[in-house]
N, C-alpha and C. Protein backbone atom coordinates (compact mmCIF):
# COMPACT_ATOMS: atom_id res chain seq x y z
N UNK A 1 0.84 -1.17 0.00
CA UNK A 1 0.00 0.00 0.00
C UNK A 1 0.89 1.24 0.00
N UNK A 2 0.63 2.12 -0.91
CA UNK A 2 1.41 3.35 -1.02
C UNK A 2 0.89 4.37 0.00
N UNK A 3 1.79 4.92 0.79
CA UNK A 3 1.39 5.92 1.77
C UNK A 3 1.09 7.24 1.08
N UNK A 4 -0.01 7.90 1.47
CA UNK A 4 -0.35 9.16 0.83
C UNK A 4 0.59 10.28 1.28
N UNK A 5 0.74 11.25 0.42
CA UNK A 5 1.59 12.40 0.73
C UNK A 5 0.86 13.32 1.71
N UNK A 6 1.62 13.88 2.64
CA UNK A 6 1.04 14.85 3.55
C UNK A 6 0.94 16.19 2.84
N UNK A 7 -0.26 16.71 2.76
CA UNK A 7 -0.47 17.95 2.04
C UNK A 7 -1.30 18.92 2.87
N UNK A 8 -1.13 20.18 2.58
CA UNK A 8 -1.89 21.21 3.24
C UNK A 8 -3.21 21.41 2.52
N UNK A 9 -4.23 21.84 3.24
CA UNK A 9 -5.54 22.04 2.63
C UNK A 9 -5.53 23.23 1.66
N UNK A 10 -4.62 24.16 1.83
CA UNK A 10 -4.55 25.31 0.95
C UNK A 10 -3.64 25.08 -0.26
N UNK A 11 -3.12 23.91 -0.39
CA UNK A 11 -2.22 23.57 -1.49
C UNK A 11 -3.02 23.54 -2.80
N UNK A 12 -2.44 24.07 -3.87
CA UNK A 12 -3.12 24.13 -5.16
C UNK A 12 -3.41 22.72 -5.70
N UNK A 13 -2.48 21.81 -5.54
CA UNK A 13 -2.67 20.44 -6.01
C UNK A 13 -3.80 19.76 -5.22
N UNK A 14 -3.88 20.00 -3.92
CA UNK A 14 -4.96 19.43 -3.12
C UNK A 14 -6.31 19.93 -3.59
N UNK A 15 -6.41 21.22 -3.86
CA UNK A 15 -7.69 21.78 -4.29
C UNK A 15 -8.12 21.25 -5.66
N UNK A 16 -7.16 21.04 -6.57
CA UNK A 16 -7.50 20.47 -7.87
C UNK A 16 -8.05 19.06 -7.71
N UNK A 17 -7.40 18.26 -6.87
CA UNK A 17 -7.85 16.88 -6.68
C UNK A 17 -9.13 16.82 -5.86
N UNK A 18 -9.36 17.80 -5.00
CA UNK A 18 -10.56 17.80 -4.18
C UNK A 18 -11.81 18.01 -5.03
N UNK A 19 -11.71 18.83 -6.05
CA UNK A 19 -12.86 19.10 -6.90
C UNK A 19 -13.05 18.05 -7.98
N UNK A 20 -12.09 17.16 -8.16
CA UNK A 20 -12.22 16.06 -9.11
C UNK A 20 -12.94 14.91 -8.41
N UNK A 21 -14.09 14.45 -8.95
CA UNK A 21 -14.87 13.41 -8.26
C UNK A 21 -14.11 12.10 -8.03
N UNK A 22 -13.23 11.72 -8.95
CA UNK A 22 -12.48 10.48 -8.79
C UNK A 22 -11.48 10.56 -7.64
N UNK A 23 -10.78 11.67 -7.56
CA UNK A 23 -9.77 11.83 -6.52
C UNK A 23 -10.40 12.22 -5.18
N UNK A 24 -11.60 12.77 -5.21
CA UNK A 24 -12.25 13.21 -3.98
C UNK A 24 -12.47 12.04 -3.03
N UNK A 25 -12.95 10.91 -3.55
CA UNK A 25 -13.20 9.75 -2.69
C UNK A 25 -11.91 9.23 -2.08
N UNK A 26 -10.83 9.26 -2.86
CA UNK A 26 -9.53 8.82 -2.34
C UNK A 26 -9.05 9.77 -1.25
N UNK A 27 -9.24 11.06 -1.46
CA UNK A 27 -8.85 12.05 -0.45
C UNK A 27 -9.65 11.89 0.83
N UNK A 28 -10.94 11.61 0.70
CA UNK A 28 -11.78 11.42 1.89
C UNK A 28 -11.28 10.22 2.69
N UNK A 29 -10.96 9.14 2.00
CA UNK A 29 -10.48 7.93 2.67
C UNK A 29 -9.15 8.18 3.38
N UNK A 30 -8.22 8.84 2.70
CA UNK A 30 -6.90 9.12 3.29
C UNK A 30 -7.03 10.07 4.49
N UNK A 31 -7.87 11.07 4.36
CA UNK A 31 -8.05 12.03 5.44
C UNK A 31 -8.72 11.37 6.64
N UNK A 32 -9.66 10.49 6.38
CA UNK A 32 -10.32 9.78 7.47
C UNK A 32 -9.34 8.90 8.23
N UNK A 33 -8.46 8.23 7.53
CA UNK A 33 -7.44 7.39 8.18
C UNK A 33 -6.53 8.24 9.06
N UNK A 34 -6.07 9.37 8.53
CA UNK A 34 -5.18 10.24 9.31
C UNK A 34 -5.88 10.80 10.54
N UNK A 35 -7.14 11.22 10.36
CA UNK A 35 -7.88 11.76 11.49
C UNK A 35 -8.05 10.71 12.58
N UNK A 36 -8.34 9.48 12.18
CA UNK A 36 -8.52 8.42 13.17
C UNK A 36 -7.22 8.08 13.89
N UNK A 37 -6.10 8.16 13.19
CA UNK A 37 -4.80 7.92 13.84
C UNK A 37 -4.56 8.96 14.93
N UNK A 38 -4.79 10.24 14.61
CA UNK A 38 -4.58 11.28 15.60
C UNK A 38 -5.63 11.25 16.70
N UNK A 39 -6.83 10.75 16.41
CA UNK A 39 -7.84 10.57 17.45
C UNK A 39 -7.38 9.53 18.45
N UNK A 40 -6.81 8.43 17.97
CA UNK A 40 -6.30 7.40 18.87
C UNK A 40 -5.10 7.89 19.67
N UNK A 41 -4.26 8.71 19.05
CA UNK A 41 -3.14 9.30 19.81
C UNK A 41 -3.66 10.21 20.92
N UNK A 42 -4.71 10.97 20.63
CA UNK A 42 -5.31 11.85 21.63
C UNK A 42 -5.88 11.02 22.79
N UNK A 43 -6.63 9.97 22.46
CA UNK A 43 -7.22 9.14 23.51
C UNK A 43 -6.15 8.42 24.32
N UNK A 44 -5.07 8.01 23.66
CA UNK A 44 -3.96 7.39 24.37
C UNK A 44 -3.29 8.39 25.31
N UNK A 45 -3.12 9.61 24.85
CA UNK A 45 -2.54 10.66 25.70
C UNK A 45 -3.39 10.94 26.92
N UNK A 46 -4.71 10.98 26.74
CA UNK A 46 -5.61 11.22 27.87
C UNK A 46 -5.53 10.06 28.87
N UNK A 47 -5.51 8.83 28.36
CA UNK A 47 -5.40 7.66 29.24
C UNK A 47 -4.07 7.69 30.00
N UNK A 48 -3.00 8.07 29.32
CA UNK A 48 -1.68 8.13 29.97
C UNK A 48 -1.63 9.21 31.05
N UNK A 49 -2.37 10.30 30.85
CA UNK A 49 -2.40 11.36 31.87
C UNK A 49 -2.95 10.79 33.18
N UNK A 50 -4.05 10.06 33.08
CA UNK A 50 -4.64 9.50 34.30
C UNK A 50 -3.76 8.43 34.94
N UNK A 51 -3.16 7.60 34.11
CA UNK A 51 -2.29 6.54 34.65
C UNK A 51 -1.08 7.15 35.35
N UNK A 52 -0.46 8.14 34.73
CA UNK A 52 0.73 8.75 35.35
C UNK A 52 0.37 9.62 36.55
N UNK A 53 -0.85 10.18 36.55
CA UNK A 53 -1.27 10.96 37.72
C UNK A 53 -1.50 10.04 38.92
N UNK A 54 -2.04 8.87 38.67
CA UNK A 54 -2.27 7.92 39.76
C UNK A 54 -0.95 7.42 40.33
N UNK A 55 0.05 7.22 39.48
CA UNK A 55 1.34 6.71 39.94
C UNK A 55 2.30 7.82 40.36
N UNK A 56 1.82 9.05 40.39
CA UNK A 56 2.60 10.21 40.86
C UNK A 56 3.87 10.45 40.03
N UNK A 57 3.77 10.32 38.74
CA UNK A 57 4.90 10.62 37.86
C UNK A 57 4.58 11.92 37.11
N UNK A 58 5.02 13.03 37.67
CA UNK A 58 4.65 14.34 37.16
C UNK A 58 5.21 14.61 35.77
N UNK A 59 6.47 14.25 35.53
CA UNK A 59 7.07 14.52 34.22
C UNK A 59 6.36 13.77 33.10
N UNK A 60 6.04 12.51 33.36
CA UNK A 60 5.34 11.72 32.34
C UNK A 60 3.92 12.24 32.13
N UNK A 61 3.31 12.75 33.18
CA UNK A 61 1.97 13.32 33.05
C UNK A 61 1.98 14.57 32.17
N UNK A 62 2.99 15.38 32.34
CA UNK A 62 3.12 16.59 31.52
C UNK A 62 3.39 16.22 30.06
N UNK A 63 4.24 15.22 29.84
CA UNK A 63 4.51 14.77 28.47
C UNK A 63 3.26 14.17 27.82
N UNK A 64 2.47 13.47 28.60
CA UNK A 64 1.22 12.90 28.07
C UNK A 64 0.24 14.01 27.73
N UNK A 65 0.21 15.05 28.54
CA UNK A 65 -0.64 16.20 28.24
C UNK A 65 -0.19 16.87 26.94
N UNK A 66 1.10 16.97 26.74
CA UNK A 66 1.64 17.54 25.51
C UNK A 66 1.25 16.69 24.30
N UNK A 67 1.37 15.37 24.43
CA UNK A 67 0.96 14.47 23.35
C UNK A 67 -0.52 14.64 23.03
N UNK A 68 -1.36 14.70 24.05
CA UNK A 68 -2.80 14.84 23.82
C UNK A 68 -3.12 16.18 23.17
N UNK A 69 -2.47 17.24 23.58
CA UNK A 69 -2.74 18.56 23.01
C UNK A 69 -2.33 18.64 21.55
N UNK A 70 -1.14 18.18 21.23
CA UNK A 70 -0.66 18.25 19.86
C UNK A 70 -1.51 17.37 18.95
N UNK A 71 -1.84 16.18 19.39
CA UNK A 71 -2.66 15.30 18.55
C UNK A 71 -4.07 15.85 18.38
N UNK A 72 -4.61 16.56 19.38
CA UNK A 72 -5.93 17.17 19.23
C UNK A 72 -5.90 18.29 18.19
N UNK A 73 -4.85 19.08 18.20
CA UNK A 73 -4.73 20.16 17.21
C UNK A 73 -4.62 19.61 15.80
N UNK A 74 -3.79 18.59 15.61
CA UNK A 74 -3.63 18.01 14.28
C UNK A 74 -4.90 17.28 13.85
N UNK A 75 -5.57 16.63 14.81
CA UNK A 75 -6.81 15.93 14.48
C UNK A 75 -7.89 16.91 14.00
N UNK A 76 -7.99 18.08 14.61
CA UNK A 76 -8.98 19.04 14.18
C UNK A 76 -8.67 19.58 12.78
N UNK A 77 -7.40 19.65 12.42
CA UNK A 77 -7.03 20.05 11.07
C UNK A 77 -7.58 19.05 10.06
N UNK A 78 -7.36 17.76 10.33
CA UNK A 78 -7.85 16.74 9.42
C UNK A 78 -9.37 16.62 9.47
N UNK A 79 -9.98 16.92 10.61
CA UNK A 79 -11.43 16.90 10.70
C UNK A 79 -12.04 18.01 9.85
N UNK A 80 -11.41 19.18 9.85
CA UNK A 80 -11.86 20.28 8.99
C UNK A 80 -11.69 19.92 7.53
N UNK A 81 -10.58 19.31 7.19
CA UNK A 81 -10.32 18.90 5.82
C UNK A 81 -11.35 17.85 5.38
N UNK A 82 -11.68 16.92 6.26
CA UNK A 82 -12.67 15.89 5.96
C UNK A 82 -14.05 16.51 5.77
N UNK A 83 -14.42 17.48 6.58
CA UNK A 83 -15.69 18.18 6.42
C UNK A 83 -15.77 18.88 5.07
N UNK A 84 -14.67 19.52 4.67
CA UNK A 84 -14.61 20.21 3.39
C UNK A 84 -14.80 19.23 2.23
N UNK A 85 -14.10 18.10 2.27
CA UNK A 85 -14.20 17.12 1.20
C UNK A 85 -15.58 16.48 1.13
N UNK A 86 -16.16 16.18 2.27
CA UNK A 86 -17.52 15.60 2.28
C UNK A 86 -18.56 16.61 1.82
N UNK A 87 -18.35 17.86 2.16
CA UNK A 87 -19.27 18.91 1.72
C UNK A 87 -19.24 19.04 0.20
N UNK A 88 -18.07 18.92 -0.40
CA UNK A 88 -17.97 18.95 -1.86
C UNK A 88 -18.72 17.77 -2.48
N UNK A 89 -18.62 16.61 -1.88
CA UNK A 89 -19.31 15.44 -2.38
C UNK A 89 -20.82 15.63 -2.30
N UNK A 90 -21.31 16.20 -1.21
CA UNK A 90 -22.74 16.43 -1.06
C UNK A 90 -23.25 17.43 -2.09
N UNK A 91 -22.48 18.45 -2.37
CA UNK A 91 -22.90 19.43 -3.37
C UNK A 91 -23.00 18.81 -4.75
N UNK A 92 -22.05 17.96 -5.08
CA UNK A 92 -22.10 17.30 -6.40
C UNK A 92 -23.33 16.42 -6.50
N UNK A 93 -23.68 15.72 -5.42
CA UNK A 93 -24.87 14.87 -5.43
C UNK A 93 -26.15 15.70 -5.57
N UNK A 94 -26.20 16.83 -4.87
CA UNK A 94 -27.38 17.69 -4.95
C UNK A 94 -27.52 18.29 -6.35
N UNK A 95 -26.41 18.70 -6.95
CA UNK A 95 -26.46 19.26 -8.31
C UNK A 95 -26.89 18.21 -9.31
N UNK A 96 -26.47 16.97 -9.14
CA UNK A 96 -26.87 15.90 -10.05
C UNK A 96 -28.37 15.62 -9.93
N UNK A 97 -28.90 15.64 -8.72
CA UNK A 97 -30.34 15.45 -8.53
C UNK A 97 -31.12 16.60 -9.14
N UNK A 98 -30.61 17.82 -8.97
CA UNK A 98 -31.29 19.00 -9.51
C UNK A 98 -31.30 18.99 -11.03
N UNK A 99 -30.21 18.54 -11.64
CA UNK A 99 -30.13 18.46 -13.11
C UNK A 99 -31.05 17.40 -13.68
N UNK A 100 -31.27 16.30 -12.93
CA UNK A 100 -32.15 15.24 -13.40
C UNK A 100 -33.60 15.69 -13.42
N UNK A 101 -33.98 16.56 -12.51
CA UNK A 101 -35.37 17.03 -12.46
C UNK A 101 -35.57 18.07 -13.51
């Protein structure tokens, strides 16, 4: 399996592929996978915060908080990108229904 390239949502190449119906589905799938990875990192960071707080390891608790915060920020980036791509798909479906009538 070929790993997808990490791209910014404002990238010209990303926007061209986002509006192309064939590439849009691939982008949605790749973005969903990335978002889920960072969601699991966030949940792992939260779980580690509680575990390290119970065992009184302050440094590890702070590092776990840092992991959870960074993964939450990156996850919201991919969540916004996923919303944008799904919104484009919905618009194309609505336009196709409108043209058929």
